Amino acid sequence: MTAPLSLRAYAKRRGVHESAVRRAIRDDRLRNSVIRTAKGPKIADAALADREWLDNTLASRVSYRVRIAKGELPPMSVDDQARRDEAAAALKFWRGRARELQERRRRQR
């Protein structure tokens, strides 16, 4: 049996941030693979944790880049990336406009 992995080490293995692993434990998406130690939770069985992660995590919430790196999705084409960047810029613009309008309304009260 191998030594338990720290949450940081497991996060690095999955290609996610440590906080994502902590949320998975908190949300009970990682159950059987986690052990509690005096220093906090650890991943006892990384292979089991991987299976739990895939079974209990919505694919739509997994980063596109992570899914490409794992070979689950083909890489984005240049056109796809351009459309994604354009959509992100538009979203940023309209969120800014919404904040401006909220601020104006707040000042008028």
Foldseek 3Di string as FASTA:
>chain_A
DDDWAALCVLCVVLVHHSVVSVVCVVVVLQDPQWDADPVGITGNDSVVRVVSCVVRPDPVPDDPVSCCVVVNDPDDDPVRVVVVVVVVVVVVVVVVVVVVVVVVVVVVD
